[in-house]
């Protein structure tokens, strides 16, 4: 996912102009300082200080909220969102709410291989919630104890949608929308961090924000990368998770069994996110990831008229080079709606870039 200009290009522009780090970037990387965390003794909001009581007080869940986007459609055309009519409805026998949910989960599980990662995360959550519900029903000796267990126990996974992109290309809330109303009735998620990749395979601002948070980042490793990823080291700054999330539960269990190592990884990740938004870090990133690549592009530029493709438009050249091992299309967008931007992404010798052109 491309970074927002206010956090990326505009922020670098301001820094190059006056040497000041933009407030938006600072705020994103220092999210642990905003008083969202409770003091374990006074129960008052305070800055997260990495003390054992505050670290131990973090909720043991893998949490994500975001938008129901597609995922690397050109690379993985077989992956998609589930359809209520084709994936769920034919398998439902409307007996009770619990039975309905379990039937829906079983139906999605049978179609799991064809789901985009974000929907695989939603399925993980539904299964975790049902598993906990069944455990409480089995172990709770009476209604009072079951109520207490529901208040004290949480499912290990909490991945839910907060928004989706409607047919007009507008980002909308899932709650109350007709597209998600049935999922809500089935008690499916509609809306530690995990930075699930979107249409381009990554989530730039999401990665920085979740790396900066005190909790541990389960980083979604996909075929595409943002420039910040080269500075992030697995098992030092984050715990890597497979593209299809098949190892997410195992990695979560490892973190729960190794709290000291998990804390060290989380602290290292937070330090890295804060370095990116410091004056020293911004200066290094500006030179290494903006100035040097742009200078290389300018130095390497050769007009099409002076190459073997003389007489052809640069659009035609790009179309012809595809498939020869040099360029692989990642995104092709129509430009018909606000969210199908006029961008077509490519891997060029393993480096991800964007070509702002309209293919009609």
Protein backbone atom coordinates (compact mmCIF):
# COMPACT_ATOMS: atom_id res chain seq x y z
CA UNK A 1 0.00 0.00 0.00
CA UNK A 2 1.41 3.39 -0.94
CA UNK A 3 2.22 5.69 2.01
CA UNK A 4 0.03 8.74 2.55
CA UNK A 5 1.72 11.88 1.14
CA UNK A 6 1.37 13.73 4.44
CA UNK A 7 3.45 11.01 6.13
CA UNK A 8 5.81 10.38 3.24
CA UNK A 9 6.62 12.73 0.36
CA UNK A 10 5.32 15.91 2.01
CA UNK A 11 7.08 15.01 5.24
CA UNK A 12 10.39 14.52 3.42
CA UNK A 13 9.81 17.76 1.52
CA UNK A 14 9.38 19.67 4.77
CA UNK A 15 12.46 18.05 6.26
CA UNK A 16 14.57 18.83 3.19
CA UNK A 17 13.32 22.43 3.28
CA UNK A 18 13.61 23.36 6.95
CA UNK A 19 15.15 20.34 8.69
CA UNK A 20 12.08 19.70 10.86
CA UNK A 21 10.30 16.37 11.23
CA UNK A 22 6.60 16.74 10.46
CA UNK A 23 4.25 16.44 13.43
CA UNK A 24 2.18 13.71 11.73
CA UNK A 25 5.22 11.44 11.46
CA UNK A 26 6.25 12.13 15.06
CA UNK A 27 2.75 11.42 16.34
CA UNK A 28 2.54 8.13 14.43
CA UNK A 29 5.85 6.82 15.73
CA UNK A 30 5.30 7.90 19.35
CA UNK A 31 1.82 6.47 19.77
CA UNK A 32 2.85 4.78 23.03
CA UNK A 33 3.26 8.18 24.68
CA UNK A 34 -0.31 9.39 24.26
CA UNK A 35 -1.79 8.20 27.54
CA UNK A 36 -3.79 5.29 26.13
CA UNK A 37 -2.31 2.89 28.68
CA UNK A 38 -3.43 2.48 32.27
CA UNK A 39 -1.18 2.53 35.30
CA UNK A 40 -1.66 -0.93 36.87
CA UNK A 41 -1.85 0.60 40.37
CA UNK A 42 -3.70 3.92 40.00
CA UNK A 43 -5.67 2.80 36.89
CA UNK A 44 -5.02 6.25 35.43
CA UNK A 45 -3.92 6.97 31.84
CA UNK A 46 -0.16 7.28 31.52
CA UNK A 47 2.75 6.96 29.13
CA UNK A 48 3.86 3.39 28.48
CA UNK A 49 7.16 2.91 30.34
CA UNK A 50 8.01 -0.76 29.56
CA UNK A 51 7.92 -1.70 33.25
CA UNK A 52 7.00 -5.30 33.95
CA UNK A 53 3.51 -4.46 35.30
CA UNK A 54 2.62 -2.44 32.21
CA UNK A 55 4.07 -4.99 29.78
CA UNK A 56 2.32 -7.86 31.59
CA UNK A 57 -0.91 -5.85 31.48
CA UNK A 58 -1.09 -5.80 27.68
CA UNK A 59 -3.98 -7.83 26.28
CA UNK A 60 -2.73 -11.20 24.92
CA UNK A 61 -4.37 -11.01 21.50
CA UNK A 62 -3.31 -10.54 17.90
CA UNK A 63 -5.31 -7.43 16.98
CA UNK A 64 -6.03 -5.82 13.61
CA UNK A 65 -8.63 -3.39 12.26
CA UNK A 66 -8.71 -2.24 8.67
CA UNK A 67 -10.37 -2.20 5.27
CA UNK A 68 -11.64 -5.10 3.19
CA UNK A 69 -9.28 -4.63 0.23
CA UNK A 70 -8.27 -7.14 -2.40
CA UNK A 71 -4.69 -8.47 -2.30
CA UNK A 72 -2.11 -8.52 -5.13
CA UNK A 73 -4.75 -9.39 -7.71
CA UNK A 74 -2.34 -9.61 -10.65
CA UNK A 75 -0.03 -12.03 -8.82
CA UNK A 76 -2.79 -14.05 -7.15
CA UNK A 77 -5.97 -13.82 -9.28
CA UNK A 78 -7.29 -16.97 -7.61
CA UNK A 79 -7.59 -15.23 -4.22
CA UNK A 80 -10.70 -13.25 -3.38
CA UNK A 81 -13.35 -12.35 -0.83
CA UNK A 82 -16.01 -14.87 0.17
CA UNK A 83 -19.46 -14.51 -1.32
CA UNK A 84 -22.39 -15.00 1.02
CA UNK A 85 -24.50 -16.50 -1.76
CA UNK A 86 -21.92 -18.96 -3.08
CA UNK A 87 -19.67 -19.72 -0.09
CA UNK A 88 -22.05 -19.59 2.88
CA UNK A 89 -25.79 -19.71 2.12
CA UNK A 90 -25.84 -23.15 0.42
CA UNK A 91 -24.33 -24.71 3.58
CA UNK A 92 -26.62 -23.14 6.19
CA UNK A 93 -29.34 -24.91 8.16
CA UNK A 94 -30.95 -22.16 10.25
CA UNK A 95 -31.47 -23.95 13.54
CA UNK A 96 -29.87 -21.67 16.12
CA UNK A 97 -27.45 -18.74 16.31
CA UNK A 98 -24.56 -20.92 17.49
CA UNK A 99 -25.22 -23.58 14.90
CA UNK A 100 -25.50 -20.91 12.21
CA UNK A 101 -22.14 -19.45 13.09
CA UNK A 102 -20.40 -22.83 13.20
CA UNK A 103 -21.88 -23.78 9.84
CA UNK A 104 -20.67 -20.50 8.36
CA UNK A 105 -17.18 -21.04 9.78
CA UNK A 106 -17.06 -24.59 8.42
CA UNK A 107 -18.15 -23.31 5.00
CA UNK A 108 -15.43 -20.64 5.00
CA UNK A 109 -12.84 -23.15 6.21
CA UNK A 110 -13.55 -25.33 3.18
CA UNK A 111 -12.91 -22.29 0.95
CA UNK A 112 -9.93 -21.01 2.98
CA UNK A 113 -7.31 -21.64 0.29
CA UNK A 114 -9.06 -19.16 -2.02
CA UNK A 115 -9.39 -16.32 0.50
CA UNK A 116 -7.23 -13.19 0.59
CA UNK A 117 -5.07 -12.91 3.76
CA UNK A 118 -7.32 -10.40 5.49
CA UNK A 119 -10.28 -12.76 5.19
CA UNK A 120 -8.10 -15.62 6.42
CA UNK A 121 -7.48 -13.45 9.49
CA UNK A 122 -11.22 -12.92 9.91
CA UNK A 123 -11.69 -16.70 9.73
CA UNK A 124 -8.96 -17.20 12.37
CA UNK A 125 -10.90 -14.83 14.63
CA UNK A 126 -14.26 -16.52 14.09
CA UNK A 127 -12.71 -19.91 14.85
CA UNK A 128 -10.95 -18.57 17.96
CA UNK A 129 -14.18 -17.02 19.24
CA UNK A 130 -16.15 -20.21 18.66
CA UNK A 131 -13.45 -22.34 20.28
CA UNK A 132 -13.52 -20.14 23.39
CA UNK A 133 -17.32 -20.17 23.46
CA UNK A 134 -17.37 -23.98 23.35
CA UNK A 135 -14.70 -24.18 26.08
CA UNK A 136 -16.76 -21.96 28.39
CA UNK A 137 -19.88 -24.04 27.77
CA UNK A 138 -17.96 -27.21 28.62
CA UNK A 139 -16.09 -25.98 31.71
CA UNK A 140 -18.52 -23.47 33.22
CA UNK A 141 -20.44 -25.14 36.04
CA UNK A 142 -23.26 -22.58 36.13
CA UNK A 143 -24.43 -19.38 34.45
CA UNK A 144 -22.58 -17.17 36.95
CA UNK A 145 -19.26 -18.94 36.33
CA UNK A 146 -19.79 -18.87 32.57
CA UNK A 147 -20.41 -15.13 32.72
CA UNK A 148 -17.21 -14.61 34.72
CA UNK A 149 -15.24 -16.74 32.24
CA UNK A 150 -16.59 -14.70 29.31
CA UNK A 151 -15.42 -11.52 31.04
CA UNK A 152 -11.97 -12.88 31.95
CA UNK A 153 -11.07 -14.94 28.87
CA UNK A 154 -10.37 -13.68 25.37
CA UNK A 155 -9.91 -15.41 22.00
CA UNK A 156 -6.28 -15.35 20.88
CA UNK A 157 -7.13 -13.63 17.58
CA UNK A 158 -9.05 -10.38 17.07
CA UNK A 159 -8.87 -9.49 13.36
CA UNK A 160 -11.95 -7.64 12.09
CA UNK A 161 -12.97 -5.26 9.33
CA UNK A 162 -13.82 -1.66 10.17
CA UNK A 163 -14.26 -0.44 6.56
CA UNK A 164 -14.77 -1.65 3.00
CA UNK A 165 -14.66 -0.03 -0.43
CA UNK A 166 -18.14 0.09 -1.98
CA UNK A 167 -19.07 -0.17 -5.66
CA UNK A 168 -18.52 3.56 -6.12
CA UNK A 169 -14.95 3.29 -4.83
CA UNK A 170 -15.78 5.06 -1.56
CA UNK A 171 -14.35 3.83 1.75
CA UNK A 172 -17.30 3.06 4.02
CA UNK A 173 -17.88 1.64 7.51
CA UNK A 174 -18.90 -2.00 7.68
CA UNK A 175 -21.26 -1.67 10.64
CA UNK A 176 -24.83 -1.35 9.37
CA UNK A 177 -23.93 -1.66 5.69
CA UNK A 178 -26.02 -4.00 3.58
CA UNK A 179 -22.89 -5.73 2.27
CA UNK A 180 -21.90 -6.82 5.81
CA UNK A 181 -25.23 -7.00 7.62
CA UNK A 182 -25.50 -10.77 7.22
CA UNK A 183 -21.97 -11.27 8.55
CA UNK A 184 -22.99 -9.24 11.62
CA UNK A 185 -26.10 -11.34 12.18
CA UNK A 186 -23.95 -14.45 12.02
CA UNK A 187 -21.71 -12.76 14.62
CA UNK A 188 -18.82 -12.67 12.14
CA UNK A 189 -16.29 -9.85 12.46
CA UNK A 190 -17.46 -6.87 10.45
CA UNK A 191 -15.94 -3.98 11.71
CA UNK A 192 -0.42 -7.54 18.02
CA UNK A 193 -0.52 -6.29 16.24
CA UNK A 194 -0.39 -7.56 12.70
CA UNK A 195 0.12 -5.38 9.61
CA UNK A 196 -1.94 -7.28 7.03
CA UNK A 197 -1.02 -6.28 3.48
CA UNK A 198 -3.63 -4.69 1.23
CA UNK A 199 -3.98 -4.21 -2.52
CA UNK A 200 -0.25 -3.71 -3.08
CA UNK A 201 0.75 -6.38 -0.56
CA UNK A 202 1.89 -3.97 2.18
CA UNK A 203 0.50 -1.38 4.59
CA UNK A 204 3.09 1.38 5.01
CA UNK A 205 1.60 3.57 7.74
CA UNK A 206 0.11 0.52 9.48
CA UNK A 207 3.53 -1.09 9.77
CA UNK A 208 5.14 2.02 11.29
CA UNK A 209 2.28 2.57 13.72
CA UNK A 210 2.16 -1.04 14.92
CA UNK A 211 5.93 -1.28 15.13
CA UNK A 212 5.86 1.83 17.34
CA UNK A 213 3.20 0.47 19.67
CA UNK A 214 4.44 -1.28 22.84
CA UNK A 215 2.99 -4.63 21.76
CA UNK A 216 4.76 -7.14 19.57
CA UNK A 217 4.45 -6.82 15.78
CA UNK A 218 3.58 -9.93 13.79
CA UNK A 219 4.76 -8.70 10.40
CA UNK A 220 2.88 -10.00 7.36
CA UNK A 221 5.67 -11.04 4.95
CA UNK A 222 4.48 -10.82 1.33
CA UNK A 223 6.12 -10.76 -2.14
CA UNK A 224 6.15 -6.93 -2.12
CA UNK A 225 8.12 -4.59 0.10
CA UNK A 226 8.21 -0.95 1.15
CA UNK A 227 11.57 0.76 1.54
CA UNK A 228 11.28 0.71 5.34
CA UNK A 229 11.27 -3.09 5.31
CA UNK A 230 14.98 -3.28 4.50
CA UNK A 231 15.71 -1.87 7.96
CA UNK A 232 13.40 -4.32 9.76
CA UNK A 233 15.05 -7.60 10.78
CA UNK A 234 12.98 -10.73 11.59
CA UNK A 235 13.16 -11.90 15.19
CA UNK A 236 14.91 -8.65 16.09
CA UNK A 237 12.21 -6.06 15.34
CA UNK A 238 9.23 -8.30 14.57
CA UNK A 239 8.01 -11.88 14.27
CA UNK A 240 7.52 -12.90 10.62
CA UNK A 241 4.21 -14.41 9.52
CA UNK A 242 3.63 -16.33 6.28
CA UNK A 243 1.64 -14.68 3.46
CA UNK A 244 -1.32 -17.02 4.01
CA UNK A 245 -1.15 -16.69 7.84
CA UNK A 246 -0.77 -20.45 8.23
CA UNK A 247 1.77 -20.02 11.04
CA UNK A 248 0.13 -17.11 12.88
CA UNK A 249 -1.23 -19.23 15.76
CA UNK A 250 2.11 -21.01 16.23
CA UNK A 251 3.97 -17.69 16.31
CA UNK A 252 1.46 -16.28 18.81
CA UNK A 253 1.89 -19.34 21.03
CA UNK A 254 5.69 -18.93 20.86
CA UNK A 255 5.42 -15.31 22.03
CA UNK A 256 3.18 -16.31 24.93
CA UNK A 257 5.68 -18.97 26.02
CA UNK A 258 8.69 -16.64 25.66
CA UNK A 259 7.59 -13.31 27.18
CA UNK A 260 11.12 -11.96 27.76
CA UNK A 261 12.20 -12.55 24.16
CA UNK A 262 8.89 -11.13 22.91
CA UNK A 263 9.39 -8.00 25.04
CA UNK A 264 12.92 -7.51 23.71
CA UNK A 265 11.68 -7.79 20.10
CA UNK A 266 8.83 -5.35 20.80
CA UNK A 267 11.20 -2.82 22.39
CA UNK A 268 13.63 -3.06 19.46
CA UNK A 269 10.75 -2.48 17.03
CA UNK A 270 9.57 0.59 18.91
CA UNK A 271 13.10 2.03 18.97
CA UNK A 272 13.39 1.53 15.21
CA UNK A 273 10.05 3.27 14.52
CA UNK A 274 11.11 6.22 16.66
CA UNK A 275 14.49 6.41 14.93
CA UNK A 276 12.71 6.75 11.56
CA UNK A 277 10.96 9.87 12.86
CA UNK A 278 13.96 11.44 14.56
CA UNK A 279 16.05 14.13 12.85
CA UNK A 280 18.96 11.70 12.52
CA UNK A 281 16.73 8.98 11.10
CA UNK A 282 14.91 11.28 8.68
CA UNK A 283 18.23 12.60 7.37
CA UNK A 284 19.49 9.06 6.75
CA UNK A 285 16.25 7.92 5.10
CA UNK A 286 16.06 11.02 2.92
CA UNK A 287 19.58 10.40 1.60
CA UNK A 288 19.40 6.61 1.25
CA UNK A 289 15.82 6.14 0.07
CA UNK A 290 14.90 9.37 -1.70
CA UNK A 291 17.95 11.25 -2.96
CA UNK A 292 20.16 8.33 -4.02
CA UNK A 293 17.43 6.36 -5.88
CA UNK A 294 16.18 9.51 -7.65
CA UNK A 295 19.71 10.44 -8.66
CA UNK A 296 20.23 6.90 -10.03
CA UNK A 297 17.00 7.18 -12.05
CA UNK A 298 18.06 10.51 -13.53
CA UNK A 299 21.55 9.23 -14.35
CA UNK A 300 20.17 6.09 -16.00
CA UNK A 301 17.47 7.83 -18.05
CA UNK A 302 17.67 7.25 -21.78
CA UNK A 303 14.91 8.51 -24.13
CA UNK A 304 13.06 5.74 -25.96
CA UNK A 305 14.20 7.33 -29.25
CA UNK A 306 17.78 6.37 -28.41
CA UNK A 307 17.09 2.70 -27.61
CA UNK A 308 16.26 -0.41 -29.60
CA UNK A 309 12.60 0.51 -29.14
CA UNK A 310 12.92 3.68 -31.21
CA UNK A 311 9.61 4.78 -32.70
CA UNK A 312 7.48 3.23 -29.94
CA UNK A 313 5.79 4.97 -27.03
CA UNK A 314 7.10 4.26 -23.55
CA UNK A 315 3.72 2.68 -22.73
CA UNK A 316 4.20 0.23 -25.58
CA UNK A 317 7.74 -0.53 -24.42
CA UNK A 318 6.53 -1.40 -20.91
CA UNK A 319 3.81 -3.65 -22.31
CA UNK A 320 6.33 -5.50 -24.49
CA UNK A 321 8.94 -5.96 -21.76
CA UNK A 322 6.47 -7.69 -19.42
CA UNK A 323 7.18 -11.40 -19.10
CA UNK A 324 10.81 -11.24 -20.19
CA UNK A 325 12.13 -11.51 -16.63
CA UNK A 326 12.59 -7.77 -16.24
CA UNK A 327 9.11 -6.57 -15.35
CA UNK A 328 6.26 -8.30 -13.58
CA UNK A 329 2.92 -6.47 -13.26
CA UNK A 330 1.71 -6.12 -9.67
CA UNK A 331 -1.23 -3.73 -10.03
CA UNK A 332 -3.18 -2.62 -13.07
CA UNK A 333 -5.85 -0.06 -12.36
CA UNK A 334 -8.56 1.41 -14.56
CA UNK A 335 -8.75 4.86 -13.01
CA UNK A 336 -12.55 4.64 -13.17
CA UNK A 337 -13.05 5.16 -9.42
CA UNK A 338 -11.31 6.96 -6.59
CA UNK A 339 -9.68 3.76 -5.38
CA UNK A 340 -8.60 2.39 -8.78
CA UNK A 341 -5.86 4.96 -9.19
CA UNK A 342 -3.94 5.45 -12.41
CA UNK A 343 -1.01 3.46 -11.07
CA UNK A 344 0.52 0.27 -12.36
CA UNK A 345 3.15 -1.30 -10.14
CA UNK A 346 6.04 -3.48 -11.20
CA UNK A 347 8.90 -5.45 -9.80
CA UNK A 348 11.99 -4.21 -11.66
CA UNK A 349 15.02 -6.30 -10.77
CA UNK A 350 13.35 -6.96 -7.42
CA UNK A 351 12.68 -3.29 -6.62
CA UNK A 352 9.07 -2.17 -6.25
CA UNK A 353 8.12 1.06 -7.95
CA UNK A 354 5.02 2.71 -9.38
CA UNK A 355 4.37 3.90 -12.93
CA UNK A 356 1.73 6.62 -12.93
CA UNK A 357 0.08 5.88 -16.24
CA UNK A 358 -3.36 5.02 -17.46
CA UNK A 359 -3.86 1.87 -19.46
CA UNK A 360 -7.04 2.06 -21.51
